[in-house]
Amino acid sequence: MTQTRTAPQDDPAKVAEFEARIAAGQSIEPKDWMPERYRRQLIRMMSQHAHSEIVGMLPEGNWITRAPSLRRKISLIAKVQDEAGHGLYIYCGTETLGVDRAELIQQLLDGTAKYSSIFNYPTLSWADIGVIGWFVDGAAIVNQTVLAKASYGPYARAMIRICKEENFHKRQGYEIVATLANGTSAQKAMVQDAVNRWWWPSLMMFGPSDANSPNTAELIKWKVKRRTNDELRQRFVNLTVPQAAAVNLTLPDPDLAYDTESENWSFGRIDWDEFNQVLRGNGPCNRERLAARRKAHDDGAWVREAASAYAAKQRAKQASEAA
């Protein structure tokens, strides 16, 4: 059952006190007063993050049985398990804001909640698993190391552990990429193909451009985010270009060029039409991903029912012993 909570009144004096705390760099904790808009923005952002971790298990889980060695299978299993844990951490964090995770999960299953667009693309080869670790987890690290300084305490603290594990995931992926890039001509072609397919969707992971992001300014003001979408995207490009050169792979952007004045790598135009289509549910795997989550939820109904029955039995036993 969804827990309800009376919405706090946004009294101007309380808002001013809250914003003074934010400006001073203080952490906001669950029992602290906060504007209703701040709470709702956090629930939106954190639930999308949690959903992304859970849905993100699907493209890689598909390759566990097909990984080329026992070592690769073990490390991929560990990574997928980590992603499940990340989702649970963040769902727990949202519950400190007065929302039940069952409500959030139902929004995902109903298709009304968003998750990262990147997970609606297919994994066509083993090289995709390496490139996901390199690009997707690399992008996550760029974003989440900043979130580790978010103004909301539970979210920031969750990011500290998650970032440590994401660093393992990126190294695992880059090792796969480097191995293939130094392998046979067929392996090199396979990993280059994966790079070509995942580069632009990875840049889209950071969200719309700042000019078209309705939430960024507010989140920056409240120090939930410390950098804009475009700033984070630029940092990811700056980090990734030399990594690609180190393994002799080419990023699929003829406009990539180093700007000596800004010390940034400039890059080409992102296809925002594709990004918006994927967000609307029209990506290559949107329907497949949601169907898989719904099936998993339905298949797990007996576990939830058994746990509820056991909890009820324990409560009845305790009540009987106390009588």
C-alpha atoms as a PDB file:
ATOM      1  CA  MET A   1       0.000   0.000   0.000  1.00  0.00           C
ATOM      2  CA  THR A   2       1.314   3.436  -0.915  1.00  0.00           C
ATOM      3  CA  GLN A   3       2.132   5.590   2.078  1.00  0.00           C
ATOM      4  CA  THR A   4       0.747   9.104   2.002  1.00  0.00           C
ATOM      5  CA  ARG A   5       2.230  12.132   3.608  1.00  0.00           C
ATOM      6  CA  THR A   6       0.808  15.589   4.109  1.00  0.00           C
ATOM      7  CA  ALA A   7       2.534  17.964   1.709  1.00  0.00           C
ATOM      8  CA  PRO A   8       4.556  20.563   3.595  1.00  0.00           C
ATOM      9  CA  GLN A   9       3.440  24.132   3.109  1.00  0.00           C
ATOM     10  CA  ASP A  10       5.996  26.210   1.300  1.00  0.00           C
ATOM     11  CA  ASP A  11       6.083  28.997   3.832  1.00  0.00           C
ATOM     12  CA  PRO A  12       8.327  31.820   2.522  1.00  0.00           C
ATOM     13  CA  ALA A  13      10.311  31.946   5.762  1.00  0.00           C
ATOM     14  CA  LYS A  14      10.972  28.197   5.621  1.00  0.00           C
ATOM     15  CA  VAL A  15      11.902  28.391   1.955  1.00  0.00           C
ATOM     16  CA  ALA A  16      14.385  31.167   2.731  1.00  0.00           C
ATOM     17  CA  GLU A  17      15.907  29.117   5.572  1.00  0.00           C
ATOM     18  CA  PHE A  18      16.077  26.040   3.331  1.00  0.00           C
ATOM     19  CA  GLU A  19      17.793  27.924   0.517  1.00  0.00           C
ATOM     20  CA  ALA A  20      20.260  29.455   2.975  1.00  0.00           C
ATOM     21  CA  ARG A  21      21.223  25.935   4.071  1.00  0.00           C
ATOM     22  CA  ILE A  22      21.667  24.893   0.448  1.00  0.00           C
ATOM     23  CA  ALA A  23      23.807  27.961  -0.263  1.00  0.00           C
ATOM     24  CA  ALA A  24      25.958  27.135   2.758  1.00  0.00           C
ATOM     25  CA  GLY A  25      26.597  23.650   1.387  1.00  0.00           C
ATOM     26  CA  GLN A  26      24.682  21.816   4.119  1.00  0.00           C
ATOM     27  CA  SER A  27      23.219  18.377   3.552  1.00  0.00           C
ATOM     28  CA  ILE A  28      19.442  17.992   3.575  1.00  0.00           C
ATOM     29  CA  GLU A  29      18.302  14.904   5.479  1.00  0.00           C
ATOM     30  CA  PRO A  30      14.954  13.041   5.372  1.00  0.00           C
ATOM     31  CA  LYS A  31      13.521  14.592   8.549  1.00  0.00           C
ATOM     32  CA  ASP A  32      14.471  18.124   7.515  1.00  0.00           C
ATOM     33  CA  TRP A  33      11.828  20.437   6.112  1.00  0.00           C
ATOM     34  CA  MET A  34      12.064  20.827   2.349  1.00  0.00           C
ATOM     35  CA  PRO A  35       9.945  22.503  -0.333  1.00  0.00           C
ATOM     36  CA  GLU A  36       7.440  20.167  -1.940  1.00  0.00           C
ATOM     37  CA  ARG A  37       8.945  20.932  -5.348  1.00  0.00           C
ATOM     38  CA  TYR A  38      12.409  19.848  -4.101  1.00  0.00           C
ATOM     39  CA  ARG A  39      10.956  16.594  -2.806  1.00  0.00           C
ATOM     40  CA  ARG A  40       9.118  15.888  -6.055  1.00  0.00           C
ATOM     41  CA  GLN A  41      12.155  16.679  -8.177  1.00  0.00           C
ATOM     42  CA  LEU A  42      14.234  14.265  -6.112  1.00  0.00           C
ATOM     43  CA  ILE A  43      11.625  11.512  -6.409  1.00  0.00           C
ATOM     44  CA  ARG A  44      11.487  12.006 -10.184  1.00  0.00           C
ATOM     45  CA  MET A  45      15.257  12.027 -10.601  1.00  0.00           C
ATOM     46  CA  MET A  46      16.065   9.228  -8.164  1.00  0.00           C
ATOM     47  CA  SER A  47      13.317   6.922  -9.410  1.00  0.00           C
ATOM     48  CA  GLN A  48      14.502   7.367 -13.005  1.00  0.00           C
ATOM     49  CA  HIS A  49      18.004   6.487 -11.835  1.00  0.00           C
ATOM     50  CA  ALA A  50      16.773   3.384  -9.986  1.00  0.00           C
ATOM     51  CA  HIS A  51      14.694   2.261 -12.963  1.00  0.00           C
ATOM     52  CA  SER A  52      17.739   2.695 -15.217  1.00  0.00           C
ATOM     53  CA  GLU A  53      19.833   0.416 -13.019  1.00  0.00           C
ATOM     54  CA  ILE A  54      17.161  -2.299 -13.056  1.00  0.00           C
ATOM     55  CA  VAL A  55      16.407  -2.095 -16.777  1.00  0.00           C
ATOM     56  CA  GLY A  56      20.150  -1.823 -17.431  1.00  0.00           C
ATOM     57  CA  MET A  57      20.579  -5.410 -16.251  1.00  0.00           C
ATOM     58  CA  LEU A  58      18.741  -6.695 -19.326  1.00  0.00           C
ATOM     59  CA  PRO A  59      21.106  -5.906 -22.247  1.00  0.00           C
ATOM     60  CA  GLU A  60      24.081  -7.425 -20.421  1.00  0.00           C
ATOM     61  CA  GLY A  61      22.276 -10.285 -18.704  1.00  0.00           C
ATOM     62  CA  ASN A  62      21.479 -11.516 -22.197  1.00  0.00           C
ATOM     63  CA  TRP A  63      25.199 -12.273 -22.693  1.00  0.00           C
ATOM     64  CA  ILE A  64      26.046 -14.097 -19.457  1.00  0.00           C
ATOM     65  CA  THR A  65      25.613 -17.573 -20.949  1.00  0.00           C
ATOM     66  CA  ARG A  66      27.431 -16.545 -24.150  1.00  0.00           C
ATOM     67  CA  ALA A  67      30.471 -14.883 -22.586  1.00  0.00           C
ATOM     68  CA  PRO A  68      33.635 -16.362 -24.146  1.00  0.00           C
ATOM     69  CA  SER A  69      35.263 -17.708 -20.958  1.00  0.00           C
ATOM     70  CA  LEU A  70      34.484 -18.644 -17.379  1.00  0.00           C
ATOM     71  CA  ARG A  71      36.329 -15.550 -16.176  1.00  0.00           C
ATOM     72  CA  ARG A  72      34.191 -13.324 -18.391  1.00  0.00           C
ATOM     73  CA  LYS A  73      31.005 -15.042 -17.225  1.00  0.00           C
ATOM     74  CA  ILE A  74      31.892 -14.550 -13.556  1.00  0.00           C
ATOM     75  CA  SER A  75      32.767 -10.879 -13.973  1.00  0.00           C
ATOM     76  CA  LEU A  76      29.621 -10.190 -16.001  1.00  0.00           C
ATOM     77  CA  ILE A  77      27.439 -11.939 -13.422  1.00  0.00           C
ATOM     78  CA  ALA A  78      29.049  -9.786 -10.731  1.00  0.00           C
ATOM     79  CA  LYS A  79      28.392  -6.648 -12.732  1.00  0.00           C
ATOM     80  CA  VAL A  80      24.717  -7.435 -13.351  1.00  0.00           C
ATOM     81  CA  GLN A  81      24.336  -8.259  -9.661  1.00  0.00           C
ATOM     82  CA  ASP A  82      25.880  -4.891  -8.774  1.00  0.00           C
ATOM     83  CA  GLU A  83      23.349  -3.119 -10.977  1.00  0.00           C
ATOM     84  CA  ALA A  84      20.482  -4.799  -9.134  1.00  0.00           C
ATOM     85  CA  GLY A  85      22.015  -3.600  -5.875  1.00  0.00           C
ATOM     86  CA  HIS A  86      22.356  -0.060  -7.194  1.00  0.00           C
ATOM     87  CA  GLY A  87      18.680   0.004  -8.079  1.00  0.00           C
ATOM     88  CA  LEU A  88      17.747  -1.198  -4.592  1.00  0.00           C
ATOM     89  CA  TYR A  89      19.974   1.423  -2.913  1.00  0.00           C
ATOM     90  CA  ILE A  90      18.285   4.193  -4.830  1.00  0.00           C
ATOM     91  CA  TYR A  91      14.751   2.851  -4.359  1.00  0.00           C
ATOM     92  CA  CYS A  92      15.504   2.848  -0.616  1.00  0.00           C
ATOM     93  CA  GLY A  93      16.639   6.446  -0.944  1.00  0.00           C
ATOM     94  CA  THR A  94      13.387   7.488  -2.592  1.00  0.00           C
ATOM     95  CA  GLU A  95      11.426   5.913   0.255  1.00  0.00           C
ATOM     96  CA  THR A  96      13.040   8.398   2.656  1.00  0.00           C
ATOM     97  CA  LEU A  97      11.079  11.027   0.701  1.00  0.00           C
ATOM     98  CA  GLY A  98       7.747   9.455   1.610  1.00  0.00           C
ATOM     99  CA  VAL A  99       7.046   7.384  -1.487  1.00  0.00           C
ATOM    100  CA  ASP A 100       6.654   3.604  -1.609  1.00  0.00           C
ATOM    101  CA  ARG A 101       8.910   1.734  -4.025  1.00  0.00           C
ATOM    102  CA  ALA A 102       5.938  -0.405  -5.087  1.00  0.00           C
ATOM    103  CA  GLU A 103       4.357   2.743  -6.488  1.00  0.00           C
ATOM    104  CA  LEU A 104       7.531   3.621  -8.388  1.00  0.00           C
ATOM    105  CA  ILE A 105       7.934   0.101  -9.768  1.00  0.00           C
ATOM    106  CA  GLN A 106       4.324   0.116 -10.913  1.00  0.00           C
ATOM    107  CA  GLN A 107       4.976   3.356 -12.799  1.00  0.00           C
ATOM    108  CA  LEU A 108       7.852   1.621 -14.587  1.00  0.00           C
ATOM    109  CA  LEU A 109       5.698  -1.395 -15.446  1.00  0.00           C
ATOM    110  CA  ASP A 110       2.880   0.848 -16.658  1.00  0.00           C
ATOM    111  CA  GLY A 111       5.293   2.639 -18.964  1.00  0.00           C
ATOM    112  CA  THR A 112       4.675   6.037 -17.346  1.00  0.00           C
ATOM    113  CA  ALA A 113       8.130   6.328 -15.752  1.00  0.00           C
ATOM    114  CA  LYS A 114      11.293   7.192 -17.636  1.00  0.00           C
ATOM    115  CA  TYR A 115      14.647   5.453 -17.515  1.00  0.00           C
ATOM    116  CA  SER A 116      17.889   6.063 -19.399  1.00  0.00           C
ATOM    117  CA  SER A 117      17.427   5.983 -23.163  1.00  0.00           C
ATOM    118  CA  ILE A 118      20.677   4.010 -23.605  1.00  0.00           C
ATOM    119  CA  PHE A 119      19.123   0.761 -22.397  1.00  0.00           C
ATOM    120  CA  ASN A 120      16.697   0.640 -25.312  1.00  0.00           C
ATOM    121  CA  TYR A 121      19.434  -0.346 -27.755  1.00  0.00           C
ATOM    122  CA  PRO A 122      20.269  -4.014 -28.548  1.00  0.00           C
ATOM    123  CA  THR A 123      23.475  -5.853 -27.680  1.00  0.00           C
ATOM    124  CA  LEU A 124      24.347  -7.521 -30.986  1.00  0.00           C
ATOM    125  CA  SER A 125      27.813  -8.907 -30.206  1.00  0.00           C
ATOM    126  CA  TRP A 126      30.166  -9.670 -27.329  1.00  0.00           C
ATOM    127  CA  ALA A 127      32.007  -6.446 -28.170  1.00  0.00           C
ATOM    128  CA  ASP A 128      28.864  -4.530 -27.156  1.00  0.00           C
ATOM    129  CA  ILE A 129      29.394  -5.697 -23.577  1.00  0.00           C
ATOM    130  CA  GLY A 130      32.877  -4.188 -23.560  1.00  0.00           C
ATOM    131  CA  VAL A 131      31.736  -0.934 -25.125  1.00  0.00           C
ATOM    132  CA  ILE A 132      28.822  -0.630 -22.683  1.00  0.00           C
ATOM    133  CA  GLY A 133      31.289  -0.925 -19.824  1.00  0.00           C
ATOM    134  CA  TRP A 134      33.590   1.647 -21.413  1.00  0.00           C
ATOM    135  CA  PHE A 135      31.011   4.164 -22.678  1.00  0.00           C
ATOM    136  CA  VAL A 136      27.859   3.648 -20.612  1.00  0.00           C
ATOM    137  CA  ASP A 137      29.496   3.033 -17.253  1.00  0.00           C
ATOM    138  CA  GLY A 138      32.079   5.682 -18.076  1.00  0.00           C
ATOM    139  CA  ALA A 139      29.269   8.176 -18.660  1.00  0.00           C
ATOM    140  CA  ALA A 140      27.613   7.048 -15.430  1.00  0.00           C
ATOM    141  CA  ILE A 141      30.824   7.720 -13.492  1.00  0.00           C
ATOM    142  CA  VAL A 142      31.069  11.241 -14.923  1.00  0.00           C
ATOM    143  CA  ASN A 143      27.492  11.915 -13.832  1.00  0.00           C
ATOM    144  CA  GLN A 144      27.482  10.105 -10.511  1.00  0.00           C
ATOM    145  CA  THR A 145      30.739  11.409  -9.080  1.00  0.00           C
ATOM    146  CA  VAL A 146      29.074  14.818  -9.213  1.00  0.00           C
ATOM    147  CA  LEU A 147      25.885  13.409  -7.664  1.00  0.00           C
ATOM    148  CA  ALA A 148      28.012  12.174  -4.746  1.00  0.00           C
ATOM    149  CA  LYS A 149      28.017  15.850  -3.736  1.00  0.00           C
ATOM    150  CA  ALA A 150      24.248  16.273  -4.138  1.00  0.00           C
ATOM    151  CA  SER A 151      22.468  18.316  -1.490  1.00  0.00           C
ATOM    152  CA  TYR A 152      20.202  15.414  -0.478  1.00  0.00           C
ATOM    153  CA  GLY A 153      22.165  13.246   1.930  1.00  0.00           C
ATOM    154  CA  PRO A 154      20.773   9.752   1.223  1.00  0.00           C
ATOM    155  CA  TYR A 155      21.246  10.168  -2.534  1.00  0.00           C
ATOM    156  CA  ALA A 156      24.771  11.533  -2.166  1.00  0.00           C
ATOM    157  CA  ARG A 157      25.825   8.719   0.176  1.00  0.00           C
ATOM    158  CA  ALA A 158      24.401   6.046  -2.137  1.00  0.00           C
ATOM    159  CA  MET A 159      26.491   7.466  -4.981  1.00  0.00           C
ATOM    160  CA  ILE A 160      29.757   7.004  -3.068  1.00  0.00           C
ATOM    161  CA  ARG A 161      29.485   3.216  -3.024  1.00  0.00           C
ATOM    162  CA  ILE A 162      27.862   3.024  -6.445  1.00  0.00           C
ATOM    163  CA  CYS A 163      30.703   5.016  -8.040  1.00  0.00           C
ATOM    164  CA  LYS A 164      33.286   2.612  -6.633  1.00  0.00           C
ATOM    165  CA  GLU A 165      31.507  -0.297  -8.286  1.00  0.00           C
ATOM    166  CA  GLU A 166      30.955   1.630 -11.533  1.00  0.00           C
ATOM    167  CA  ASN A 167      34.717   2.160 -11.761  1.00  0.00           C
ATOM    168  CA  PHE A 168      35.136  -1.634 -11.671  1.00  0.00           C
ATOM    169  CA  HIS A 169      32.521  -1.948 -14.423  1.00  0.00           C
ATOM    170  CA  LYS A 170      34.261   0.573 -16.650  1.00  0.00           C
ATOM    171  CA  ARG A 171      37.643  -1.141 -16.218  1.00  0.00           C
ATOM    172  CA  GLN A 172      36.083  -4.486 -17.006  1.00  0.00           C
ATOM    173  CA  GLY A 173      34.551  -3.072 -20.191  1.00  0.00           C
ATOM    174  CA  TYR A 174      37.690  -1.275 -21.326  1.00  0.00           C
ATOM    175  CA  GLU A 175      39.726  -4.447 -20.815  1.00  0.00           C
ATOM    176  CA  ILE A 176      37.338  -6.329 -23.114  1.00  0.00           C
ATOM    177  CA  VAL A 177      37.592  -3.542 -25.693  1.00  0.00           C
ATOM    178  CA  ALA A 178      41.400  -3.450 -25.527  1.00  0.00           C
ATOM    179  CA  THR A 179      41.613  -7.238 -25.886  1.00  0.00           C
ATOM    180  CA  LEU A 180      39.409  -7.247 -28.982  1.00  0.00           C
ATOM    181  CA  ALA A 181      41.126  -4.190 -30.482  1.00  0.00           C
ATOM    182  CA  ASN A 182      44.455  -6.048 -30.261  1.00  0.00           C
ATOM    183  CA  GLY A 183      43.025  -9.312 -31.556  1.00  0.00           C
ATOM    184  CA  THR A 184      42.256 -10.708 -34.990  1.00  0.00           C
ATOM    185  CA  SER A 185      40.987  -8.574 -37.843  1.00  0.00           C
ATOM    186  CA  ALA A 186      37.489  -9.946 -37.210  1.00  0.00           C
ATOM    187  CA  GLN A 187      37.683  -8.986 -33.527  1.00  0.00           C
ATOM    188  CA  LYS A 188      38.888  -5.490 -34.396  1.00  0.00           C
ATOM    189  CA  ALA A 189      36.039  -5.068 -36.845  1.00  0.00           C
ATOM    190  CA  MET A 190      33.542  -6.318 -34.266  1.00  0.00           C
ATOM    191  CA  VAL A 191      34.640  -3.865 -31.577  1.00  0.00           C
ATOM    192  CA  GLN A 192      34.818  -0.947 -34.030  1.00  0.00           C
ATOM    193  CA  ASP A 193      31.259  -1.738 -35.111  1.00  0.00           C
ATOM    194  CA  ALA A 194      30.143  -1.681 -31.478  1.00  0.00           C
ATOM    195  CA  VAL A 195      31.868   1.678 -30.935  1.00  0.00           C
ATOM    196  CA  ASN A 196      30.106   3.066 -34.009  1.00  0.00           C
ATOM    197  CA  ARG A 197      26.696   1.988 -32.735  1.00  0.00           C
ATOM    198  CA  TRP A 198      27.050   3.028 -29.073  1.00  0.00           C
ATOM    199  CA  TRP A 199      28.877   6.359 -29.324  1.00  0.00           C
ATOM    200  CA  TRP A 200      25.972   8.671 -30.090  1.00  0.00           C
ATOM    201  CA  PRO A 201      23.434   6.973 -27.769  1.00  0.00           C
ATOM    202  CA  SER A 202      26.058   7.291 -25.005  1.00  0.00           C
ATOM    203  CA  LEU A 203      26.258  11.048 -25.554  1.00  0.00           C
ATOM    204  CA  MET A 204      22.459  11.183 -25.339  1.00  0.00           C
ATOM    205  CA  MET A 205      22.649   9.583 -21.873  1.00  0.00           C
ATOM    206  CA  PHE A 206      23.368  12.955 -20.301  1.00  0.00           C
ATOM    207  CA  GLY A 207      19.939  14.205 -21.290  1.00  0.00           C
ATOM    208  CA  PRO A 208      18.770  17.026 -23.528  1.00  0.00           C
ATOM    209  CA  SER A 209      20.898  20.061 -24.241  1.00  0.00           C
ATOM    210  CA  ASP A 210      20.859  22.726 -21.562  1.00  0.00           C
ATOM    211  CA  ALA A 211      18.696  24.935 -23.768  1.00  0.00           C
ATOM    212  CA  ASN A 212      15.997  22.236 -23.802  1.00  0.00           C
ATOM    213  CA  SER A 213      16.299  20.845 -20.270  1.00  0.00           C
ATOM    214  CA  PRO A 214      13.330  22.043 -18.163  1.00  0.00           C
ATOM    215  CA  ASN A 215      14.703  20.788 -14.833  1.00  0.00           C
ATOM    216  CA  THR A 216      18.425  21.558 -14.922  1.00  0.00           C
ATOM    217  CA  ALA A 217      18.309  25.172 -13.681  1.00  0.00           C
ATOM    218  CA  GLU A 218      16.200  24.261 -10.662  1.00  0.00           C
ATOM    219  CA  LEU A 219      18.326  21.242  -9.790  1.00  0.00           C
ATOM    220  CA  ILE A 220      21.500  23.324 -10.077  1.00  0.00           C
ATOM    221  CA  LYS A 221      19.979  26.021  -7.851  1.00  0.00           C
ATOM    222  CA  TRP A 222      19.230  23.431  -5.177  1.00  0.00           C
ATOM    223  CA  LYS A 223      22.625  21.729  -5.670  1.00  0.00           C
ATOM    224  CA  VAL A 224      21.059  18.383  -6.449  1.00  0.00           C
ATOM    225  CA  LYS A 225      23.100  18.642  -9.634  1.00  0.00           C
ATOM    226  CA  ARG A 226      26.425  20.495  -9.659  1.00  0.00           C
ATOM    227  CA  ARG A 227      27.007  20.457 -13.421  1.00  0.00           C
ATOM    228  CA  THR A 228      24.683  20.879 -16.390  1.00  0.00           C
ATOM    229  CA  ASN A 229      23.943  18.161 -18.951  1.00  0.00           C
ATOM    230  CA  ASP A 230      26.174  19.793 -21.552  1.00  0.00           C
ATOM    231  CA  GLU A 231      29.051  20.265 -19.088  1.00  0.00           C
ATOM    232  CA  LEU A 232      28.930  16.599 -18.117  1.00  0.00           C
ATOM    233  CA  ARG A 233      28.683  15.512 -21.758  1.00  0.00           C
ATOM    234  CA  GLN A 234      31.743  17.592 -22.624  1.00  0.00           C
ATOM    235  CA  ARG A 235      33.745  16.040 -19.791  1.00  0.00           C
ATOM    236  CA  PHE A 236      32.832  12.556 -21.006  1.00  0.00           C
ATOM    237  CA  VAL A 237      33.995  13.377 -24.541  1.00  0.00           C
ATOM    238  CA  ASN A 238      37.252  14.860 -23.250  1.00  0.00           C
ATOM    239  CA  LEU A 239      37.981  11.710 -21.258  1.00  0.00           C
ATOM    240  CA  THR A 240      36.958   9.222 -23.935  1.00  0.00           C
ATOM    241  CA  VAL A 241      38.727  10.563 -27.017  1.00  0.00           C
ATOM    242  CA  PRO A 242      42.248   9.742 -25.732  1.00  0.00           C
ATOM    243  CA  GLN A 243      41.035   6.380 -24.435  1.00  0.00           C
ATOM    244  CA  ALA A 244      39.875   5.487 -27.958  1.00  0.00           C
ATOM    245  CA  ALA A 245      43.208   6.574 -29.409  1.00  0.00           C
ATOM    246  CA  ALA A 246      45.067   4.386 -26.897  1.00  0.00           C
ATOM    247  CA  VAL A 247      43.452   1.249 -28.344  1.00  0.00           C
ATOM    248  CA  ASN A 248      43.486   2.442 -31.979  1.00  0.00           C
ATOM    249  CA  LEU A 249      39.716   2.767 -32.308  1.00  0.00           C
ATOM    250  CA  THR A 250      37.941   5.540 -34.197  1.00  0.00           C
ATOM    251  CA  LEU A 251      34.998   7.430 -32.747  1.00  0.00           C
ATOM    252  CA  PRO A 252      32.294   7.829 -35.423  1.00  0.00           C
ATOM    253  CA  ASP A 253      32.311  11.617 -35.577  1.00  0.00           C
ATOM    254  CA  PRO A 254      34.141  13.392 -38.413  1.00  0.00           C
ATOM    255  CA  ASP A 255      33.644  16.703 -36.582  1.00  0.00           C
ATOM    256  CA  LEU A 256      35.754  15.705 -33.576  1.00  0.00           C
ATOM    257  CA  ALA A 257      38.476  18.319 -33.167  1.00  0.00           C
ATOM    258  CA  TYR A 258      40.584  19.624 -30.321  1.00  0.00           C
ATOM    259  CA  ASP A 259      40.048  23.276 -29.432  1.00  0.00           C
ATOM    260  CA  THR A 260      43.294  24.596 -27.990  1.00  0.00           C
ATOM    261  CA  GLU A 261      41.625  27.720 -26.639  1.00  0.00           C
ATOM    262  CA  SER A 262      38.967  25.944 -24.557  1.00  0.00           C
ATOM    263  CA  GLU A 263      41.057  22.741 -24.145  1.00  0.00           C
ATOM    264  CA  ASN A 264      37.955  20.749 -25.060  1.00  0.00           C
ATOM    265  CA  TRP A 265      37.178  18.304 -27.833  1.00  0.00           C
ATOM    266  CA  SER A 266      34.426  19.743 -30.008  1.00  0.00           C
ATOM    267  CA  PHE A 267      32.014  17.197 -31.486  1.00  0.00           C
ATOM    268  CA  GLY A 268      29.204  16.946 -34.016  1.00  0.00           C
ATOM    269  CA  ARG A 269      25.489  17.474 -33.684  1.00  0.00           C
ATOM    270  CA  ILE A 270      23.540  14.911 -31.664  1.00  0.00           C
ATOM    271  CA  ASP A 271      20.416  13.509 -33.325  1.00  0.00           C
ATOM    272  CA  TRP A 272      17.880  14.808 -30.816  1.00  0.00           C
ATOM    273  CA  ASP A 273      15.014  13.482 -32.927  1.00  0.00           C
ATOM    274  CA  GLU A 274      16.270   9.949 -32.272  1.00  0.00           C
ATOM    275  CA  PHE A 275      16.675  10.740 -28.562  1.00  0.00           C
ATOM    276  CA  ASN A 276      13.101  11.998 -28.298  1.00  0.00           C
ATOM    277  CA  GLN A 277      11.728   9.025 -30.209  1.00  0.00           C
ATOM    278  CA  VAL A 278      13.428   6.609 -27.804  1.00  0.00           C
ATOM    279  CA  LEU A 279      12.088   8.522 -24.797  1.00  0.00           C
ATOM    280  CA  ARG A 280       8.583   8.292 -26.260  1.00  0.00           C
ATOM    281  CA  GLY A 281       8.887   4.504 -26.346  1.00  0.00           C
ATOM    282  CA  ASN A 282       9.841   4.090 -29.982  1.00  0.00           C
ATOM    283  CA  GLY A 283      13.443   2.913 -29.567  1.00  0.00           C
ATOM    284  CA  PRO A 284      14.712  -0.428 -30.918  1.00  0.00           C
ATOM    285  CA  CYS A 285      14.069  -2.300 -27.640  1.00  0.00           C
ATOM    286  CA  ASN A 286      11.627  -0.198 -25.573  1.00  0.00           C
ATOM    287  CA  ARG A 287       8.788  -2.701 -25.789  1.00  0.00           C
ATOM    288  CA  GLU A 288      11.111  -5.662 -25.282  1.00  0.00           C
ATOM    289  CA  ARG A 289      12.626  -4.136 -22.137  1.00  0.00           C
ATOM    290  CA  LEU A 290       9.282  -3.363 -20.518  1.00  0.00           C
ATOM    291  CA  ALA A 291       7.888  -6.782 -21.478  1.00  0.00           C
ATOM    292  CA  ALA A 292      10.878  -8.416 -19.757  1.00  0.00           C
ATOM    293  CA  ARG A 293      10.384  -6.358 -16.592  1.00  0.00           C
ATOM    294  CA  ARG A 294       6.653  -7.123 -16.505  1.00  0.00           C
ATOM    295  CA  LYS A 295       7.308 -10.844 -16.941  1.00  0.00           C
ATOM    296  CA  ALA A 296       9.900 -10.807 -14.145  1.00  0.00           C
ATOM    297  CA  HIS A 297       7.469  -8.952 -11.881  1.00  0.00           C
ATOM    298  CA  ASP A 298       4.647 -11.399 -12.612  1.00  0.00           C
ATOM    299  CA  ASP A 299       6.901 -14.440 -12.223  1.00  0.00           C
ATOM    300  CA  GLY A 300       8.017 -13.127  -8.820  1.00  0.00           C
ATOM    301  CA  ALA A 301       4.495 -12.659  -7.474  1.00  0.00           C
ATOM    302  CA  TRP A 302       4.683 -15.903  -5.473  1.00  0.00           C
ATOM    303  CA  VAL A 303       7.813 -14.669  -3.681  1.00  0.00           C
ATOM    304  CA  ARG A 304       6.093 -11.435  -2.617  1.00  0.00           C
ATOM    305  CA  GLU A 305       3.010 -13.339  -1.526  1.00  0.00           C
ATOM    306  CA  ALA A 306       5.080 -15.839   0.473  1.00  0.00           C
ATOM    307  CA  ALA A 307       7.027 -13.042   2.162  1.00  0.00           C
ATOM    308  CA  SER A 308       3.790 -11.232   3.077  1.00  0.00           C
ATOM    309  CA  ALA A 309       2.265 -14.433   4.448  1.00  0.00           C
ATOM    310  CA  TYR A 310       5.374 -15.148   6.522  1.00  0.00           C
ATOM    311  CA  ALA A 311       5.421 -11.600   7.890  1.00  0.00           C
ATOM    312  CA  ALA A 312       1.744 -11.870   8.841  1.00  0.00           C
ATOM    313  CA  LYS A 313       2.409 -15.216  10.555  1.00  0.00           C
ATOM    314  CA  GLN A 314       5.284 -13.695  12.548  1.00  0.00           C
ATOM    315  CA  ARG A 315       3.156 -10.728  13.626  1.00  0.00           C
ATOM    316  CA  ALA A 316       0.402 -13.061  14.768  1.00  0.00           C
ATOM    317  CA  LYS A 317       2.910 -15.169  16.710  1.00  0.00           C
ATOM    318  CA  GLN A 318       4.382 -12.115  18.430  1.00  0.00           C
ATOM    319  CA  ALA A 319       0.926 -10.830  19.314  1.00  0.00           C
ATOM    320  CA  SER A 320       0.010 -14.215  20.769  1.00  0.00           C
ATOM    321  CA  GLU A 321       3.174 -14.344  22.870  1.00  0.00           C
ATOM    322  CA  ALA A 322       2.596 -10.823  24.143  1.00  0.00           C
ATOM    323  CA  ALA A 323      -0.996 -11.554  25.186  1.00  0.00           C
END
